[in-house]
Amino acid sequence: MDKIDIINKLQELKPSLQQEYAVKTLGLFGSFANGTHTDDSDIDILVEFEKPVGWKFFTLEQHLEKTFNRKIDLVTVGALKEQLKPLILNEVQYI
């Protein structure tokens, strides 16, 4: 699995994720986005929601982990550490 595979799958999933989880935007960042992933790398996904989703955040993360059969690090812009935020927002590839 590489960046293109992940982006294609996220594009395919996005309409259902918008309906079920109120996903507004999805973006890939981290090692898969920049081509430095290893067999043990997780998939880093930045997500923004249309409205507060509460516990559905964790349900979405689990859904993506089952879909990709890999650990997912799902984060919102607000949860990014301030010192890393500019770097991540500069490299994120939105779907």
PDB file of N, CA and C in Angstrom:
ATOM      1  N   MET A   1       0.850  -1.181   0.000  1.00  0.00           N
ATOM      2  CA  MET A   1       0.000   0.000   0.000  1.00  0.00           C
ATOM      3  C   MET A   1       0.892   1.239   0.000  1.00  0.00           C
ATOM      4  N   ASP A   2       0.546   2.180  -0.855  1.00  0.00           N
ATOM      5  CA  ASP A   2       1.312   3.422  -0.906  1.00  0.00           C
ATOM      6  C   ASP A   2       0.359   4.617  -0.873  1.00  0.00           C
ATOM      7  N   LYS A   3       0.938   5.798  -1.030  1.00  0.00           N
ATOM      8  CA  LYS A   3       0.163   7.038  -0.952  1.00  0.00           C
ATOM      9  C   LYS A   3      -1.006   7.049  -1.932  1.00  0.00           C
ATOM     10  N   ILE A   4      -0.767   6.640  -3.157  1.00  0.00           N
ATOM     11  CA  ILE A   4      -1.813   6.659  -4.188  1.00  0.00           C
ATOM     12  C   ILE A   4      -2.960   5.730  -3.804  1.00  0.00           C
ATOM     13  N   ASP A   5      -2.626   4.531  -3.303  1.00  0.00           N
ATOM     14  CA  ASP A   5      -3.661   3.582  -2.875  1.00  0.00           C
ATOM     15  C   ASP A   5      -4.520   4.175  -1.761  1.00  0.00           C
ATOM     16  N   ILE A   6      -3.870   4.815  -0.797  1.00  0.00           N
ATOM     17  CA  ILE A   6      -4.590   5.403   0.337  1.00  0.00           C
ATOM     18  C   ILE A   6      -5.485   6.544  -0.133  1.00  0.00           C
ATOM     19  N   ILE A   7      -4.944   7.422  -0.944  1.00  0.00           N
ATOM     20  CA  ILE A   7      -5.726   8.560  -1.447  1.00  0.00           C
ATOM     21  C   ILE A   7      -6.924   8.069  -2.261  1.00  0.00           C
ATOM     22  N   ASN A   8      -6.703   7.090  -3.127  1.00  0.00           N
ATOM     23  CA  ASN A   8      -7.803   6.548  -3.934  1.00  0.00           C
ATOM     24  C   ASN A   8      -8.894   5.943  -3.057  1.00  0.00           C
ATOM     25  N   LYS A   9      -8.496   5.194  -2.035  1.00  0.00           N
ATOM     26  CA  LYS A   9      -9.477   4.572  -1.145  1.00  0.00           C
ATOM     27  C   LYS A   9     -10.227   5.635  -0.347  1.00  0.00           C
ATOM     28  N   LEU A  10      -9.522   6.661   0.139  1.00  0.00           N
ATOM     29  CA  LEU A  10     -10.186   7.734   0.880  1.00  0.00           C
ATOM     30  C   LEU A  10     -11.163   8.497  -0.013  1.00  0.00           C
ATOM     31  N   GLN A  11     -10.793   8.700  -1.280  1.00  0.00           N
ATOM     32  CA  GLN A  11     -11.712   9.356  -2.219  1.00  0.00           C
ATOM     33  C   GLN A  11     -12.967   8.518  -2.413  1.00  0.00           C
ATOM     34  N   GLU A  12     -12.778   7.220  -2.501  1.00  0.00           N
ATOM     35  CA  GLU A  12     -13.907   6.300  -2.668  1.00  0.00           C
ATOM     36  C   GLU A  12     -14.813   6.308  -1.427  1.00  0.00           C
ATOM     37  N   LEU A  13     -14.213   6.371  -0.251  1.00  0.00           N
ATOM     38  CA  LEU A  13     -14.955   6.336   1.011  1.00  0.00           C
ATOM     39  C   LEU A  13     -15.584   7.668   1.395  1.00  0.00           C
ATOM     40  N   LYS A  14     -15.041   8.757   0.893  1.00  0.00           N
ATOM     41  CA  LYS A  14     -15.424  10.084   1.376  1.00  0.00           C
ATOM     42  C   LYS A  14     -16.934  10.341   1.366  1.00  0.00           C
ATOM     43  N   PRO A  15     -17.674  10.030   0.300  1.00  0.00           N
ATOM     44  CA  PRO A  15     -19.121  10.296   0.344  1.00  0.00           C
ATOM     45  C   PRO A  15     -19.831   9.597   1.509  1.00  0.00           C
ATOM     46  N   SER A  16     -19.492   8.341   1.765  1.00  0.00           N
ATOM     47  CA  SER A  16     -20.141   7.639   2.879  1.00  0.00           C
ATOM     48  C   SER A  16     -19.667   8.179   4.225  1.00  0.00           C
ATOM     49  N   LEU A  17     -18.414   8.603   4.312  1.00  0.00           N
ATOM     50  CA  LEU A  17     -17.905   9.190   5.557  1.00  0.00           C
ATOM     51  C   LEU A  17     -18.561  10.542   5.825  1.00  0.00           C
ATOM     52  N   GLN A  18     -18.852  11.273   4.761  1.00  0.00           N
ATOM     53  CA  GLN A  18     -19.549  12.553   4.916  1.00  0.00           C
ATOM     54  C   GLN A  18     -20.947  12.323   5.472  1.00  0.00           C
ATOM     55  N   GLN A  19     -21.621  11.312   4.957  1.00  0.00           N
ATOM     56  CA  GLN A  19     -22.988  11.018   5.413  1.00  0.00           C
ATOM     57  C   GLN A  19     -23.014  10.475   6.830  1.00  0.00           C
ATOM     58  N   GLU A  20     -22.183   9.476   7.083  1.00  0.00           N
ATOM     59  CA  GLU A  20     -22.250   8.770   8.364  1.00  0.00           C
ATOM     60  C   GLU A  20     -21.573   9.506   9.513  1.00  0.00           C
ATOM     61  N   TYR A  21     -20.472  10.223   9.216  1.00  0.00           N
ATOM     62  CA  TYR A  21     -19.680  10.835  10.282  1.00  0.00           C
ATOM     63  C   TYR A  21     -19.584  12.354  10.180  1.00  0.00           C
ATOM     64  N   ALA A  22     -20.274  12.967   9.260  1.00  0.00           N
ATOM     65  CA  ALA A  22     -20.240  14.421   9.053  1.00  0.00           C
ATOM     66  C   ALA A  22     -18.831  14.926   8.744  1.00  0.00           C
ATOM     67  N   VAL A  23     -18.065  14.114   7.993  1.00  0.00           N
ATOM     68  CA  VAL A  23     -16.714  14.509   7.600  1.00  0.00           C
ATOM     69  C   VAL A  23     -16.803  15.636   6.581  1.00  0.00           C
ATOM     70  N   LYS A  24     -16.063  16.699   6.834  1.00  0.00           N
ATOM     71  CA  LYS A  24     -16.008  17.838   5.915  1.00  0.00           C
ATOM     72  C   LYS A  24     -14.780  17.723   5.018  1.00  0.00           C
ATOM     73  N   THR A  25     -13.618  17.514   5.623  1.00  0.00           N
ATOM     74  CA  THR A  25     -12.385  17.354   4.849  1.00  0.00           C
ATOM     75  C   THR A  25     -11.553  16.216   5.420  1.00  0.00           C
ATOM     76  N   LEU A  26     -10.784  15.591   4.537  1.00  0.00           N
ATOM     77  CA  LEU A  26      -9.826  14.553   4.898  1.00  0.00           C
ATOM     78  C   LEU A  26      -8.503  14.910   4.254  1.00  0.00           C
ATOM     79  N   GLY A  27      -7.427  14.659   4.960  1.00  0.00           N
ATOM     80  CA  GLY A  27      -6.109  14.901   4.394  1.00  0.00           C
ATOM     81  C   GLY A  27      -5.108  13.873   4.883  1.00  0.00           C
ATOM     82  N   LEU A  28      -4.216  13.485   4.019  1.00  0.00           N
ATOM     83  CA  LEU A  28      -3.156  12.540   4.355  1.00  0.00           C
ATOM     84  C   LEU A  28      -1.890  13.327   4.656  1.00  0.00           C
ATOM     85  N   PHE A  29      -1.223  12.972   5.762  1.00  0.00           N
ATOM     86  CA  PHE A  29       0.058  13.598   6.077  1.00  0.00           C
ATOM     87  C   PHE A  29       0.967  12.545   6.696  1.00  0.00           C
ATOM     88  N   GLY A  30       2.163  12.928   7.039  1.00  0.00           N
ATOM     89  CA  GLY A  30       3.083  11.999   7.690  1.00  0.00           C
ATOM     90  C   GLY A  30       3.835  11.131   6.701  1.00  0.00           C
ATOM     91  N   SER A  31       4.277   9.973   7.189  1.00  0.00           N
ATOM     92  CA  SER A  31       5.195   9.140   6.413  1.00  0.00           C
ATOM     93  C   SER A  31       4.601   8.612   5.108  1.00  0.00           C
ATOM     94  N   PHE A  32       3.317   8.307   5.079  1.00  0.00           N
ATOM     95  CA  PHE A  32       2.730   7.845   3.814  1.00  0.00           C
ATOM     96  C   PHE A  32       2.622   8.985   2.810  1.00  0.00           C
ATOM     97  N   ALA A  33       2.366  10.181   3.288  1.00  0.00           N
ATOM     98  CA  ALA A  33       2.254  11.334   2.388  1.00  0.00           C
ATOM     99  C   ALA A  33       3.602  11.718   1.794  1.00  0.00           C
ATOM    100  N   ASN A  34       4.662  11.563   2.590  1.00  0.00           N
ATOM    101  CA  ASN A  34       5.970  12.003   2.084  1.00  0.00           C
ATOM    102  C   ASN A  34       6.868  10.859   1.624  1.00  0.00           C
ATOM    103  N   GLY A  35       6.336   9.635   1.617  1.00  0.00           N
ATOM    104  CA  GLY A  35       7.072   8.507   1.056  1.00  0.00           C
ATOM    105  C   GLY A  35       8.124   7.894   1.953  1.00  0.00           C
ATOM    106  N   THR A  36       8.072   8.149   3.250  1.00  0.00           N
ATOM    107  CA  THR A  36       9.075   7.600   4.167  1.00  0.00           C
ATOM    108  C   THR A  36       8.507   6.496   5.063  1.00  0.00           C
ATOM    109  N   HIS A  37       7.340   5.957   4.717  1.00  0.00           N
ATOM    110  CA  HIS A  37       6.704   4.941   5.555  1.00  0.00           C
ATOM    111  C   HIS A  37       7.478   3.628   5.548  1.00  0.00           C
ATOM    112  N   THR A  38       7.268   2.866   6.606  1.00  0.00           N
ATOM    113  CA  THR A  38       7.820   1.518   6.726  1.00  0.00           C
ATOM    114  C   THR A  38       6.649   0.550   6.895  1.00  0.00           C
ATOM    115  N   ASP A  39       6.958  -0.731   7.019  1.00  0.00           N
ATOM    116  CA  ASP A  39       5.909  -1.734   7.212  1.00  0.00           C
ATOM    117  C   ASP A  39       5.130  -1.505   8.506  1.00  0.00           C
ATOM    118  N   ASP A  40       5.760  -0.849   9.476  1.00  0.00           N
ATOM    119  CA  ASP A  40       5.120  -0.614  10.774  1.00  0.00           C
ATOM    120  C   ASP A  40       4.472   0.761  10.897  1.00  0.00           C
ATOM    121  N   SER A  41       4.548   1.577   9.877  1.00  0.00           N
ATOM    122  CA  SER A  41       4.014   2.943   9.953  1.00  0.00           C
ATOM    123  C   SER A  41       2.497   2.948  10.053  1.00  0.00           C
ATOM    124  N   ASP A  42       1.989   3.900  10.838  1.00  0.00           N
ATOM    125  CA  ASP A  42       0.545   4.117  10.841  1.00  0.00           C
ATOM    126  C   ASP A  42       0.208   5.088   9.714  1.00  0.00           C
ATOM    127  N   ILE A  43      -1.076   5.243   9.461  1.00  0.00           N
ATOM    128  CA  ILE A  43      -1.536   6.192   8.447  1.00  0.00           C
ATOM    129  C   ILE A  43      -2.061   7.416   9.180  1.00  0.00           C
ATOM    130  N   ASP A  44      -1.468   8.573   8.899  1.00  0.00           N
ATOM    131  CA  ASP A  44      -1.846   9.827   9.552  1.00  0.00           C
ATOM    132  C   ASP A  44      -2.889  10.542   8.699  1.00  0.00           C
ATOM    133  N   ILE A  45      -4.071  10.750   9.284  1.00  0.00           N
ATOM    134  CA  ILE A  45      -5.164  11.392   8.558  1.00  0.00           C
ATOM    135  C   ILE A  45      -5.669  12.586   9.353  1.00  0.00           C
ATOM    136  N   LEU A  46      -5.712  13.724   8.683  1.00  0.00           N
ATOM    137  CA  LEU A  46      -6.263  14.945   9.261  1.00  0.00           C
ATOM    138  C   LEU A  46      -7.727  15.023   8.852  1.00  0.00           C
ATOM    139  N   VAL A  47      -8.598  15.272   9.812  1.00  0.00           N
ATOM    140  CA  VAL A  47     -10.031  15.303   9.527  1.00  0.00           C
ATOM    141  C   VAL A  47     -10.648  16.573  10.098  1.00  0.00           C
ATOM    142  N   GLU A  48     -11.625  17.088   9.378  1.00  0.00           N
ATOM    143  CA  GLU A  48     -12.433  18.209   9.858  1.00  0.00           C
ATOM    144  C   GLU A  48     -13.888  17.782   9.699  1.00  0.00           C
ATOM    145  N   PHE A  49     -14.706  18.120  10.694  1.00  0.00           N
ATOM    146  CA  PHE A  49     -16.105  17.715  10.694  1.00  0.00           C
ATOM    147  C   PHE A  49     -17.024  18.900  10.464  1.00  0.00           C
ATOM    148  N   GLU A  50     -18.204  18.617   9.922  1.00  0.00           N
ATOM    149  CA  GLU A  50     -19.235  19.635   9.708  1.00  0.00           C
ATOM    150  C   GLU A  50     -19.835  20.108  11.027  1.00  0.00           C
ATOM    151  N   LYS A  51     -19.843  19.210  12.014  1.00  0.00           N
ATOM    152  CA  LYS A  51     -20.453  19.493  13.318  1.00  0.00           C
ATOM    153  C   LYS A  51     -19.750  18.625  14.354  1.00  0.00           C
ATOM    154  N   PRO A  52     -19.939  18.901  15.631  1.00  0.00           N
ATOM    155  CA  PRO A  52     -19.339  18.035  16.655  1.00  0.00           C
ATOM    156  C   PRO A  52     -19.853  16.598  16.512  1.00  0.00           C
ATOM    157  N   VAL A  53     -18.948  15.629  16.631  1.00  0.00           N
ATOM    158  CA  VAL A  53     -19.331  14.233  16.423  1.00  0.00           C
ATOM    159  C   VAL A  53     -19.185  13.372  17.674  1.00  0.00           C
ATOM    160  N   GLY A  54     -18.599  13.899  18.717  1.00  0.00           N
ATOM    161  CA  GLY A  54     -18.472  13.143  19.964  1.00  0.00           C
ATOM    162  C   GLY A  54     -17.734  11.828  19.780  1.00  0.00           C
ATOM    163  N   TRP A  55     -18.339  10.762  20.319  1.00  0.00           N
ATOM    164  CA  TRP A  55     -17.711   9.444  20.285  1.00  0.00           C
ATOM    165  C   TRP A  55     -17.598   8.866  18.879  1.00  0.00           C
ATOM    166  N   LYS A  56     -18.342   9.401  17.932  1.00  0.00           N
ATOM    167  CA  LYS A  56     -18.246   8.908  16.545  1.00  0.00           C
ATOM    168  C   LYS A  56     -16.835   9.096  15.979  1.00  0.00           C
ATOM    169  N   PHE A  57     -16.072  10.025  16.569  1.00  0.00           N
ATOM    170  CA  PHE A  57     -14.676  10.209  16.159  1.00  0.00           C
ATOM    171  C   PHE A  57     -13.935   8.874  16.265  1.00  0.00           C
ATOM    172  N   PHE A  58     -14.109   8.196  17.389  1.00  0.00           N
ATOM    173  CA  PHE A  58     -13.404   6.934  17.618  1.00  0.00           C
ATOM    174  C   PHE A  58     -13.970   5.811  16.754  1.00  0.00           C
ATOM    175  N   THR A  59     -15.261   5.852  16.494  1.00  0.00           N
ATOM    176  CA  THR A  59     -15.873   4.878  15.595  1.00  0.00           C
ATOM    177  C   THR A  59     -15.310   5.047  14.186  1.00  0.00           C
ATOM    178  N   LEU A  60     -15.136   6.287  13.761  1.00  0.00           N
ATOM    179  CA  LEU A  60     -14.543   6.565  12.450  1.00  0.00           C
ATOM    180  C   LEU A  60     -13.112   6.043  12.395  1.00  0.00           C
ATOM    181  N   GLU A  61     -12.337   6.305  13.434  1.00  0.00           N
ATOM    182  CA  GLU A  61     -10.953   5.829  13.473  1.00  0.00           C
ATOM    183  C   GLU A  61     -10.909   4.302  13.363  1.00  0.00           C
ATOM    184  N   GLN A  62     -11.772   3.611  14.087  1.00  0.00           N
ATOM    185  CA  GLN A  62     -11.828   2.147  14.025  1.00  0.00           C
ATOM    186  C   GLN A  62     -12.266   1.666  12.642  1.00  0.00           C
ATOM    187  N   HIS A  63     -13.229   2.351  12.052  1.00  0.00           N
ATOM    188  CA  HIS A  63     -13.695   2.005  10.704  1.00  0.00           C
ATOM    189  C   HIS A  63     -12.537   2.097   9.703  1.00  0.00           C
ATOM    190  N   LEU A  64     -11.761   3.163   9.798  1.00  0.00           N
ATOM    191  CA  LEU A  64     -10.626   3.336   8.888  1.00  0.00           C
ATOM    192  C   LEU A  64      -9.543   2.288   9.148  1.00  0.00           C
ATOM    193  N   GLU A  65      -9.320   1.939  10.412  1.00  0.00           N
ATOM    194  CA  GLU A  65      -8.327   0.906  10.727  1.00  0.00           C
ATOM    195  C   GLU A  65      -8.730  -0.439  10.128  1.00  0.00           C
ATOM    196  N   LYS A  66     -10.005  -0.769  10.180  1.00  0.00           N
ATOM    197  CA  LYS A  66     -10.481  -2.020   9.574  1.00  0.00           C
ATOM    198  C   LYS A  66     -10.359  -1.955   8.055  1.00  0.00           C
ATOM    199  N   THR A  67     -10.684  -0.812   7.484  1.00  0.00           N
ATOM    200  CA  THR A  67     -10.625  -0.647   6.031  1.00  0.00           C
ATOM    201  C   THR A  67      -9.203  -0.809   5.510  1.00  0.00           C
ATOM    202  N   PHE A  68      -8.246  -0.178   6.180  1.00  0.00           N
ATOM    203  CA  PHE A  68      -6.861  -0.196   5.716  1.00  0.00           C
ATOM    204  C   PHE A  68      -6.030  -1.307   6.353  1.00  0.00           C
ATOM    205  N   ASN A  69      -6.611  -2.007   7.337  1.00  0.00           N
ATOM    206  CA  ASN A  69      -5.889  -3.055   8.053  1.00  0.00           C
ATOM    207  C   ASN A  69      -4.546  -2.541   8.582  1.00  0.00           C
ATOM    208  N   ARG A  70      -4.613  -1.357   9.165  1.00  0.00           N
ATOM    209  CA  ARG A  70      -3.405  -0.693   9.665  1.00  0.00           C
ATOM    210  C   ARG A  70      -3.831   0.332  10.711  1.00  0.00           C
ATOM    211  N   LYS A  71      -2.955   0.614  11.659  1.00  0.00           N
ATOM    212  CA  LYS A  71      -3.216   1.638  12.679  1.00  0.00           C
ATOM    213  C   LYS A  71      -3.403   2.984  11.995  1.00  0.00           C
ATOM    214  N   ILE A  72      -4.436   3.705  12.421  1.00  0.00           N
ATOM    215  CA  ILE A  72      -4.732   5.036  11.896  1.00  0.00           C
ATOM    216  C   ILE A  72      -4.516   6.055  13.005  1.00  0.00           C
ATOM    217  N   ASP A  73      -3.803   7.116  12.702  1.00  0.00           N
ATOM    218  CA  ASP A  73      -3.673   8.251  13.616  1.00  0.00           C
ATOM    219  C   ASP A  73      -4.574   9.342  13.046  1.00  0.00           C
ATOM    220  N   LEU A  74      -5.786   9.417  13.578  1.00  0.00           N
ATOM    221  CA  LEU A  74      -6.791  10.368  13.105  1.00  0.00           C
ATOM    222  C   LEU A  74      -6.755  11.593  14.008  1.00  0.00           C
ATOM    223  N   VAL A  75      -6.520  12.755  13.422  1.00  0.00           N
ATOM    224  CA  VAL A  75      -6.424  13.980  14.224  1.00  0.00           C
ATOM    225  C   VAL A  75      -7.197  15.119  13.570  1.00  0.00           C
ATOM    226  N   THR A  76      -7.630  16.043  14.418  1.00  0.00           N
ATOM    227  CA  THR A  76      -8.252  17.272  13.931  1.00  0.00           C
ATOM    228  C   THR A  76      -7.214  18.382  13.975  1.00  0.00           C
ATOM    229  N   VAL A  77      -7.451  19.445  13.235  1.00  0.00           N
ATOM    230  CA  VAL A  77      -6.523  20.580  13.238  1.00  0.00           C
ATOM    231  C   VAL A  77      -6.353  21.109  14.657  1.00  0.00           C
ATOM    232  N   GLY A  78      -7.444  21.185  15.400  1.00  0.00           N
ATOM    233  CA  GLY A  78      -7.388  21.689  16.762  1.00  0.00           C
ATOM    234  C   GLY A  78      -6.558  20.839  17.700  1.00  0.00           C
ATOM    235  N   ALA A  79      -6.389  19.561  17.382  1.00  0.00           N
ATOM    236  CA  ALA A  79      -5.626  18.657  18.239  1.00  0.00           C
ATOM    237  C   ALA A  79      -4.138  18.633  17.906  1.00  0.00           C
ATOM    238  N   LEU A  80      -3.747  19.283  16.815  1.00  0.00           N
ATOM    239  CA  LEU A  80      -2.333  19.307  16.439  1.00  0.00           C
ATOM    240  C   LEU A  80      -1.530  20.124  17.443  1.00  0.00           C
ATOM    241  N   LYS A  81      -0.345  19.632  17.775  1.00  0.00           N
ATOM    242  CA  LYS A  81       0.544  20.388  18.653  1.00  0.00           C
ATOM    243  C   LYS A  81       0.974  21.652  17.923  1.00  0.00           C
ATOM    244  N   GLU A  82       0.968  22.755  18.638  1.00  0.00           N
ATOM    245  CA  GLU A  82       1.255  24.057  18.022  1.00  0.00           C
ATOM    246  C   GLU A  82       2.586  24.077  17.277  1.00  0.00           C
ATOM    247  N   GLN A  83       3.618  23.431  17.840  1.00  0.00           N
ATOM    248  CA  GLN A  83       4.929  23.463  17.188  1.00  0.00           C
ATOM    249  C   GLN A  83       4.952  22.634  15.905  1.00  0.00           C
ATOM    250  N   LEU A  84       4.046  21.668  15.771  1.00  0.00           N
ATOM    251  CA  LEU A  84       3.999  20.831  14.566  1.00  0.00           C
ATOM    252  C   LEU A  84       2.956  21.276  13.553  1.00  0.00           C
ATOM    253  N   LYS A  85       2.013  22.085  13.996  1.00  0.00           N
ATOM    254  CA  LYS A  85       0.883  22.470  13.145  1.00  0.00           C
ATOM    255  C   LYS A  85       1.313  23.065  11.802  1.00  0.00           C
ATOM    256  N   PRO A  86       2.218  24.064  11.763  1.00  0.00           N
ATOM    257  CA  PRO A  86       2.598  24.630  10.457  1.00  0.00           C
ATOM    258  C   PRO A  86       3.226  23.596   9.524  1.00  0.00           C
ATOM    259  N   LEU A  87       4.053  22.728  10.069  1.00  0.00           N
ATOM    260  CA  LEU A  87       4.702  21.697   9.261  1.00  0.00           C
ATOM    261  C   LEU A  87       3.671  20.734   8.670  1.00  0.00           C
ATOM    262  N   ILE A  88       2.747  20.283   9.496  1.00  0.00           N
ATOM    263  CA  ILE A  88       1.722  19.335   9.043  1.00  0.00           C
ATOM    264  C   ILE A  88       0.782  19.984   8.033  1.00  0.00           C
ATOM    265  N   LEU A  89       0.332  21.197   8.330  1.00  0.00           N
ATOM    266  CA  LEU A  89      -0.596  21.871   7.415  1.00  0.00           C
ATOM    267  C   LEU A  89       0.062  22.188   6.077  1.00  0.00           C
ATOM    268  N   ASN A  90       1.376  22.324   6.075  1.00  0.00           N
ATOM    269  CA  ASN A  90       2.102  22.581   4.834  1.00  0.00           C
ATOM    270  C   ASN A  90       2.229  21.314   3.980  1.00  0.00           C
ATOM    271  N   GLU A  91       2.284  20.156   4.622  1.00  0.00           N
ATOM    272  CA  GLU A  91       2.498  18.914   3.867  1.00  0.00           C
ATOM    273  C   GLU A  91       1.225  18.110   3.599  1.00  0.00           C
ATOM    274  N   VAL A  92       0.137  18.420   4.292  1.00  0.00           N
ATOM    275  CA  VAL A  92      -1.078  17.613   4.152  1.00  0.00           C
ATOM    276  C   VAL A  92      -1.584  17.629   2.711  1.00  0.00           C
ATOM    277  N   GLN A  93      -2.019  16.470   2.268  1.00  0.00           N
ATOM    278  CA  GLN A  93      -2.574  16.327   0.921  1.00  0.00           C
ATOM    279  C   GLN A  93      -4.058  16.025   1.071  1.00  0.00           C
ATOM    280  N   TYR A  94      -4.868  17.027   0.776  1.00  0.00           N
ATOM    281  CA  TYR A  94      -6.311  16.907   0.978  1.00  0.00           C
ATOM    282  C   TYR A  94      -6.954  16.035  -0.083  1.00  0.00           C
ATOM    283  N   ILE A  95      -7.946  15.299   0.348  1.00  0.00           N
ATOM    284  CA  ILE A  95      -8.670  14.404  -0.546  1.00  0.00           C
ATOM    285  C   ILE A  95      -9.952  15.099  -0.973  1.00  0.00           C
TER     286      ILE A  95
END
